[in-house]
Structures are given as C-alpha cells and as structure tokens.
Protein backbone atom coordinates (compact mmCIF):
# COMPACT_ATOMS: atom_id res chain seq x y z
CA UNK A 1 -137.56 19.81 -17.42
CA UNK A 2 -135.14 21.20 -14.89
CA UNK A 3 -134.44 17.76 -13.48
CA UNK A 4 -133.42 16.32 -16.90
CA UNK A 5 -131.19 19.30 -17.64
CA UNK A 6 -129.44 18.72 -14.31
CA UNK A 7 -128.96 15.16 -14.99
CA UNK A 8 -127.22 15.53 -18.57
CA UNK A 9 -124.95 18.18 -17.08
CA UNK A 10 -123.85 15.62 -14.29
CA UNK A 11 -123.29 12.96 -16.74
CA UNK A 12 -121.22 15.33 -19.03
CA UNK A 13 -118.93 16.00 -15.95
CA UNK A 14 -118.37 12.48 -15.09
CA UNK A 15 -117.79 11.29 -18.74
CA UNK A 16 -114.77 14.01 -18.96
CA UNK A 17 -112.11 13.15 -16.53
CA UNK A 18 -108.91 15.25 -16.35
CA UNK A 19 -106.42 14.10 -18.79
CA UNK A 20 -103.09 13.11 -17.19
CA UNK A 21 -99.76 14.70 -18.67
CA UNK A 22 -97.82 12.05 -20.43
CA UNK A 23 -94.36 13.63 -20.69
CA UNK A 24 -93.14 15.81 -17.93
CA UNK A 25 -89.10 15.67 -18.25
CA UNK A 26 -87.42 16.49 -14.97
CA UNK A 27 -83.88 16.27 -13.53
CA UNK A 28 -83.58 13.76 -10.68
CA UNK A 29 -81.43 16.26 -8.78
CA UNK A 30 -81.40 20.21 -8.65
CA UNK A 31 -77.57 20.61 -8.67
CA UNK A 32 -74.33 18.56 -9.33
CA UNK A 33 -70.82 18.97 -8.94
CA UNK A 34 -67.96 17.51 -11.13
CA UNK A 35 -64.49 17.69 -9.57
CA UNK A 36 -61.44 16.92 -11.51
CA UNK A 37 -58.34 16.53 -9.00
CA UNK A 38 -56.00 14.14 -10.95
CA UNK A 39 -54.47 16.36 -13.43
CA UNK A 40 -51.30 15.51 -15.38
CA UNK A 41 -49.54 18.53 -16.75
CA UNK A 42 -46.98 18.14 -19.74
CA UNK A 43 -46.81 18.71 -23.37
CA UNK A 44 -50.08 17.28 -25.16
CA UNK A 45 -51.49 16.23 -21.87
CA UNK A 46 -55.26 15.99 -21.71
CA UNK A 47 -57.09 15.23 -18.50
CA UNK A 48 -60.59 13.47 -18.60
CA UNK A 49 -63.50 13.01 -16.19
CA UNK A 50 -66.59 11.10 -16.64
CA UNK A 51 -69.92 12.04 -14.90
CA UNK A 52 -73.73 11.42 -15.21
CA UNK A 53 -76.76 13.36 -15.07
CA UNK A 54 -80.07 11.58 -14.14
CA UNK A 55 -83.35 12.52 -15.83
CA UNK A 56 -86.84 11.10 -15.44
CA UNK A 57 -90.28 11.44 -16.61
CA UNK A 58 -92.78 13.03 -14.26
CA UNK A 59 -95.83 11.88 -16.27
CA UNK A 60 -96.88 8.45 -17.35
CA UNK A 61 -96.27 7.87 -21.08
CA UNK A 62 -93.44 7.91 -23.51
CA UNK A 63 -91.19 10.91 -23.11
CA UNK A 64 -88.21 12.66 -24.75
CA UNK A 65 -86.40 15.97 -24.02
CA UNK A 66 -83.45 18.13 -24.93
CA UNK A 67 -80.67 19.04 -22.50
CA UNK A 68 -79.19 22.40 -23.13
CA UNK A 69 -75.87 23.88 -21.67
CA UNK A 70 -75.42 27.48 -21.02
CA UNK A 71 -73.36 30.02 -18.95
CA UNK A 72 -75.22 31.66 -15.99
CA UNK A 73 -76.20 35.18 -16.52
CA UNK A 74 -73.58 35.40 -19.44
CA UNK A 75 -70.59 34.80 -17.30
CA UNK A 76 -67.42 35.07 -19.30
CA UNK A 77 -65.53 31.66 -19.69
CA UNK A 78 -62.37 31.45 -17.43
CA UNK A 79 -59.10 32.43 -19.45
CA UNK A 80 -57.28 29.73 -17.19
CA UNK A 81 -59.75 26.86 -17.74
CA UNK A 82 -60.51 25.37 -21.14
CA UNK A 83 -62.79 22.28 -21.42
CA UNK A 84 -64.75 20.35 -23.75
CA UNK A 85 -68.18 18.54 -22.97
CA UNK A 86 -69.19 15.35 -24.69
CA UNK A 87 -71.87 12.78 -24.62
CA UNK A 88 -71.22 9.75 -26.69
CA UNK A 89 -70.16 11.02 -30.16
CA UNK A 90 -71.78 14.41 -29.55
CA UNK A 91 -69.57 17.40 -28.69
CA UNK A 92 -71.69 19.94 -26.92
CA UNK A 93 -71.55 23.66 -27.26
CA UNK A 94 -72.22 25.67 -24.19
CA UNK A 95 -74.28 28.86 -24.94
CA UNK A 96 -73.33 32.24 -23.93
CA UNK A 97 -76.32 32.50 -21.59
CA UNK A 98 -79.78 30.87 -21.01
CA UNK A 99 -81.46 33.15 -23.68
CA UNK A 100 -79.05 32.44 -26.41
CA UNK A 101 -80.40 30.77 -29.57
CA UNK A 102 -79.91 27.22 -29.72
CA UNK A 103 -77.64 25.49 -32.31
CA UNK A 104 -77.27 22.10 -33.75
CA UNK A 105 -74.53 21.39 -31.15
CA UNK A 106 -76.08 22.86 -28.14
CA UNK A 107 -78.87 20.54 -27.70
CA UNK A 108 -78.76 16.80 -26.82
CA UNK A 109 -81.90 14.96 -27.52
CA UNK A 110 -82.95 12.17 -24.90
CA UNK A 111 -85.51 9.48 -25.87
CA UNK A 112 -87.37 7.15 -23.70
CA UNK A 113 -87.30 9.00 -20.28
CA UNK A 114 -88.50 6.55 -17.57
CA UNK A 115 -91.00 7.36 -15.01
CA UNK A 116 -89.11 5.82 -12.03
CA UNK A 117 -87.72 7.92 -9.38
CA UNK A 118 -84.20 7.22 -10.14
CA UNK A 119 -84.70 8.14 -14.03
CA UNK A 120 -81.97 7.54 -16.61
CA UNK A 121 -78.28 8.15 -16.30
CA UNK A 122 -77.04 10.41 -19.15
CA UNK A 123 -73.23 10.02 -19.44
CA UNK A 124 -71.02 12.89 -20.05
CA UNK A 125 -67.27 13.41 -20.57
CA UNK A 126 -65.33 16.37 -19.45
CA UNK A 127 -62.12 17.01 -21.35
CA UNK A 128 -59.61 19.40 -20.11
CA UNK A 129 -56.30 20.27 -22.07
CA UNK A 130 -53.62 20.18 -19.49
CA UNK A 131 -50.56 21.10 -21.47
CA UNK A 132 -47.89 23.71 -20.26
CA UNK A 133 -49.53 27.17 -20.17
CA UNK A 134 -52.25 26.01 -17.72
CA UNK A 135 -52.13 27.94 -14.36
CA UNK A 136 -52.08 26.14 -10.97
CA UNK A 137 -54.67 26.42 -8.55
CA UNK A 138 -58.38 25.66 -7.83
CA UNK A 139 -60.72 26.78 -10.78
CA UNK A 140 -64.52 26.62 -10.56
CA UNK A 141 -67.20 27.29 -13.14
CA UNK A 142 -70.98 27.01 -13.08
CA UNK A 143 -73.34 26.21 -15.82
CA UNK A 144 -77.03 25.87 -16.18
CA UNK A 145 -78.54 22.75 -17.71
CA UNK A 146 -81.97 23.22 -19.04
CA UNK A 147 -84.32 20.51 -19.92
CA UNK A 148 -86.69 21.31 -22.66
CA UNK A 149 -89.93 19.33 -23.54
CA UNK A 150 -91.04 18.59 -27.07
CA UNK A 151 -92.65 22.02 -27.41
CA UNK A 152 -89.25 23.64 -26.73
CA UNK A 153 -90.55 25.00 -23.23
CA UNK A 154 -88.06 24.61 -20.34
CA UNK A 155 -89.47 22.25 -18.04
CA UNK A 156 -86.53 22.00 -15.43
CA UNK A 157 -83.01 23.23 -14.81
CA UNK A 158 -80.00 22.03 -13.11
CA UNK A 159 -76.91 23.91 -11.79
CA UNK A 160 -73.67 22.19 -12.83
CA UNK A 161 -70.60 23.16 -10.95
CA UNK A 162 -67.12 22.20 -12.53
CA UNK A 163 -64.20 22.16 -10.15
CA UNK A 164 -60.74 21.69 -11.53
CA UNK A 165 -57.48 21.55 -9.19
CA UNK A 166 -54.33 22.24 -11.13
CA UNK A 167 -51.11 21.10 -9.16
CA UNK A 168 -47.95 23.14 -9.25
CA UNK A 169 -45.72 21.62 -11.88
CA UNK A 170 -42.39 22.43 -13.38
CA UNK A 171 -40.13 20.93 -16.03
CA UNK A 172 -36.63 22.19 -17.00
CA UNK A 173 -34.42 21.40 -20.19
CA UNK A 174 -30.97 22.44 -21.12
CA UNK A 175 -30.59 24.25 -24.54
CA UNK A 176 -27.61 25.14 -26.58
CA UNK A 177 -25.25 22.60 -24.96
CA UNK A 178 -23.86 19.26 -25.57
CA UNK A 179 -25.56 16.36 -23.90
CA UNK A 180 -29.11 15.10 -22.91
CA UNK A 181 -31.92 16.79 -21.27
CA UNK A 182 -30.71 16.04 -17.71
CA UNK A 183 -26.88 16.16 -18.35
CA UNK A 184 -25.16 18.62 -20.44
CA UNK A 185 -21.55 19.60 -20.93
CA UNK A 186 -20.00 23.21 -21.49
CA UNK A 187 -16.62 23.38 -22.93
CA UNK A 188 -14.57 26.45 -22.22
CA UNK A 189 -11.72 25.57 -24.50
CA UNK A 190 -8.22 26.66 -23.36
CA UNK A 191 -7.69 28.84 -20.13
CA UNK A 192 -4.52 31.05 -20.47
CA UNK A 193 -2.86 33.58 -18.30
CA UNK A 194 -3.81 36.22 -20.78
CA UNK A 195 -7.28 35.67 -21.90
CA UNK A 196 -10.99 35.31 -20.56
CA UNK A 197 -12.55 32.06 -21.75
CA UNK A 198 -16.21 32.21 -22.28
CA UNK A 199 -18.81 29.60 -23.08
CA UNK A 200 -20.92 29.55 -26.19
CA UNK A 201 -24.55 30.70 -25.79
CA UNK A 202 -26.51 28.28 -23.79
CA UNK A 203 -29.46 28.42 -21.19
CA UNK A 204 -32.31 26.42 -19.50
CA UNK A 205 -35.99 26.52 -20.75
CA UNK A 206 -38.36 26.24 -17.94
CA UNK A 207 -42.08 25.42 -17.92
CA UNK A 208 -44.14 25.98 -14.97
CA UNK A 209 -47.77 26.19 -13.81
CA UNK A 210 -47.02 28.56 -10.99
CA UNK A 211 -44.45 30.77 -9.64
CA UNK A 212 -40.88 29.01 -9.58
CA UNK A 213 -37.53 29.06 -8.08
CA UNK A 214 -34.34 28.13 -9.91
CA UNK A 215 -31.38 27.06 -7.68
CA UNK A 216 -27.72 26.21 -8.45
CA UNK A 217 -25.34 23.93 -6.49
CA UNK A 218 -21.75 23.73 -7.40
CA UNK A 219 -19.82 20.66 -6.50
CA UNK A 220 -16.55 22.58 -5.95
CA UNK A 221 -18.18 26.04 -4.72
CA UNK A 222 -17.53 27.96 -7.95
CA UNK A 223 -14.20 26.52 -8.85
CA UNK A 224 -12.77 24.44 -11.50
CA UNK A 225 -10.97 21.59 -10.09
CA UNK A 226 -7.97 19.80 -11.72
CA UNK A 227 -8.62 16.35 -12.90
CA UNK A 228 -6.10 14.91 -10.30
CA UNK A 229 -7.28 17.56 -7.64
CA UNK A 230 -3.90 19.25 -7.89
CA UNK A 231 -5.21 22.73 -8.49
CA UNK A 232 -8.43 24.92 -8.88
CA UNK A 233 -9.38 27.82 -11.18
CA UNK A 234 -12.30 30.09 -10.04
CA UNK A 235 -15.02 30.74 -12.66
CA UNK A 236 -18.15 32.83 -12.96
CA UNK A 237 -21.65 31.78 -13.89
CA UNK A 238 -24.43 34.28 -14.92
CA UNK A 239 -28.04 33.78 -15.59
CA UNK A 240 -30.06 36.50 -17.41
CA UNK A 241 -26.84 38.66 -16.89
CA UNK A 242 -26.93 38.20 -12.95
CA UNK A 243 -24.11 36.59 -11.34
CA UNK A 244 -24.78 33.13 -9.62
CA UNK A 245 -23.79 32.74 -6.13
CA UNK A 246 -22.03 29.16 -6.49
CA UNK A 247 -20.85 29.21 -2.82
CA UNK A 248 -24.28 28.62 -1.77
CA UNK A 249 -27.62 30.38 -1.86
CA UNK A 250 -27.67 30.86 -5.46
CA UNK A 251 -31.48 31.01 -5.98
CA UNK A 252 -33.68 33.10 -8.30
CA UNK A 253 -37.45 33.32 -7.79
CA UNK A 254 -39.94 34.26 -10.64
CA UNK A 255 -43.34 35.29 -9.52
CA UNK A 256 -45.71 33.86 -12.22
CA UNK A 257 -46.21 31.01 -14.53
CA UNK A 258 -44.87 30.43 -17.87
CA UNK A 259 -46.63 30.19 -21.22
CA UNK A 260 -46.98 26.92 -23.20
CA UNK A 261 -43.59 27.80 -24.87
CA UNK A 262 -41.88 28.00 -21.38
CA UNK A 263 -39.30 30.69 -20.55
CA UNK A 264 -35.74 30.73 -21.61
CA UNK A 265 -33.02 31.76 -19.15
CA UNK A 266 -29.67 32.61 -20.68
CA UNK A 267 -26.74 31.30 -19.01
CA UNK A 268 -22.89 32.05 -19.53
CA UNK A 269 -19.71 30.78 -18.02
CA UNK A 270 -16.26 32.27 -18.01
CA UNK A 271 -12.83 31.78 -16.56
CA UNK A 272 -9.50 33.32 -16.51
CA UNK A 273 -6.93 34.68 -17.03
CA UNK A 274 -5.68 32.18 -14.69
CA UNK A 275 -2.41 30.19 -14.10
CA UNK A 276 -2.49 26.60 -13.17
CA UNK A 277 -1.28 23.23 -13.62
CA UNK A 278 -1.75 21.70 -17.11
CA UNK A 279 -4.48 19.23 -17.41
CA UNK A 280 -8.41 19.12 -17.56
CA UNK A 281 -10.50 21.11 -15.11
CA UNK A 282 -14.18 20.66 -14.34
CA UNK A 283 -17.12 21.38 -12.10
CA UNK A 284 -20.48 19.79 -11.73
CA UNK A 285 -23.39 22.23 -11.39
CA UNK A 286 -26.87 20.97 -10.44
CA UNK A 287 -29.71 23.31 -11.58
CA UNK A 288 -32.97 22.71 -9.66
CA UNK A 289 -36.38 24.28 -10.53
CA UNK A 290 -39.06 24.15 -8.00
CA UNK A 291 -42.78 25.38 -8.07
CA UNK A 292 -43.63 27.81 -5.28
C-alpha cells in the first residue's frame, strides 16, 4: 500500500512541469542618452531629434507592454528647457514622478514584442522650441521610463538622459528709422549756428540667448563729413542715455540674455549749433552685437 501511494505521488510530480512565462517585457538597455547639439535659434524655430528605445520579450509567447515616462523623484522641469516627446502620432505626457497616476497620454502601448536579444526598436521624436528666449549653454534632464506588463506591474525601467546644447546666438534690428533691417538712415534736418538738431526717437532691438556686447564704429570718428569732404561737424550719439565713444572703444556689455521679445536700446543723435559750409553732411556708423 505504501508503494502504490509513492508511485502515484511520483507520477503526479512528473505530469505537472513548471509553466514557462510567456510575456516578460524588458528594455534591451538599462540607460540611454539623447543629445541635441544642432540647435537653430530664431523666431519660430523648432529643433528636432529622433531616437529609438529597444524593447524585447524575455518570455517565449505573445507579449505587449506599456511604456511610461516620469520625472525621477519628482524633479521639477527645467525653466530653460522645454520639449515635447512623440511616438508616431502620439504626444506623450511626462508624469511628475514615478508614482503619479497614469493618464491617457502618459502610456504608449507596444504590441508583439519579440523574444530576440536585439528586441524591437520603438521610435521617438524629441521636439524643442528654440525661438528667442531660450538660454544658451548645456542643459540636461533625466527621465525614468517604466515598462509595465499586462497586469500593470513595472517589469523593467530605463534611465533616459536628455542633453541639449544651445549655442550663443544674437540678432539685431533697427527700429524707428528709415530703411531696411541692416541699413537705416537718420535725418537730422538743418544744422544752424543757433540751434541743436536732434533725431527723432529710434533704437535697436536685440535678441540674444546669452550675455552680449554692443559696439559702435564711426567711419569719421564721430563727425559728420561734408559731401565733398570740405568740412566736418561733430555730433553726439547716445544709447540708453549714455554717450557713445565714436572715436573708438564704444562698447556696452549686457550680462544676461533677452526675453523672446528682445530688448530695445534707445538711441539719440544730436548736432550743433555749428557753422560750416553749405551742403549735405553724413557719417556711417556700424553697430555690431556679439554674444559673449
């Protein structure tokens, strides 16, 4: 009787082998870095960078899983780096932290994960608005990608590092003067021995992603030259109420970037009273803005 019982127990053990898991979603890599270095800065500019995350099935059957993006330990998003993540037609929401409640936009469902070592490449697109107002320099953020199985349990995680290198960039435009953006004319009217002639209000608008310097270079060292080079009349140029040294070294440095609207610097030109030969007088001043 004991022998029969033993044989039945043995048969039961042999007839119930361990059941293999069919769907065990895994990231192929534990970390990944996306670097965006070719940034174009300007009005309405948008920079894009494509990348892929590889996912596989560590089991041996059909497999699907959700990918979820979240900030690590609830780190606040950078004020200087705004971006959007997209996969195909889906725009993905980045959750505030790993424990945040999922939304309809936070999870991307993946079907048919293969069991191969290389897995399946899931395409993503990183979109960065790079209009004026962005700050130059190296920006870096880290996100956690969670891979959730069909029961909603986290099966694996991946650390995604986003690196963006914004170059120092500047742009300048003359406002309130006659002419195009690169060449403008200021008319002082008649210069007499009795009166001071002052220009109408004008200025320059500067956009910059970094600190910048504004320099002035006068063709005639701060004098209006007669059209036949017969005489000169000195004049004064002020920027933001500060006199510009037109004889050389006329540089002004501003220690921070501008907003998306830029920064307007008021300019004023005045000459006289003066006595000189009749005729037209003029000078050419080159204004240069440089990122520093």
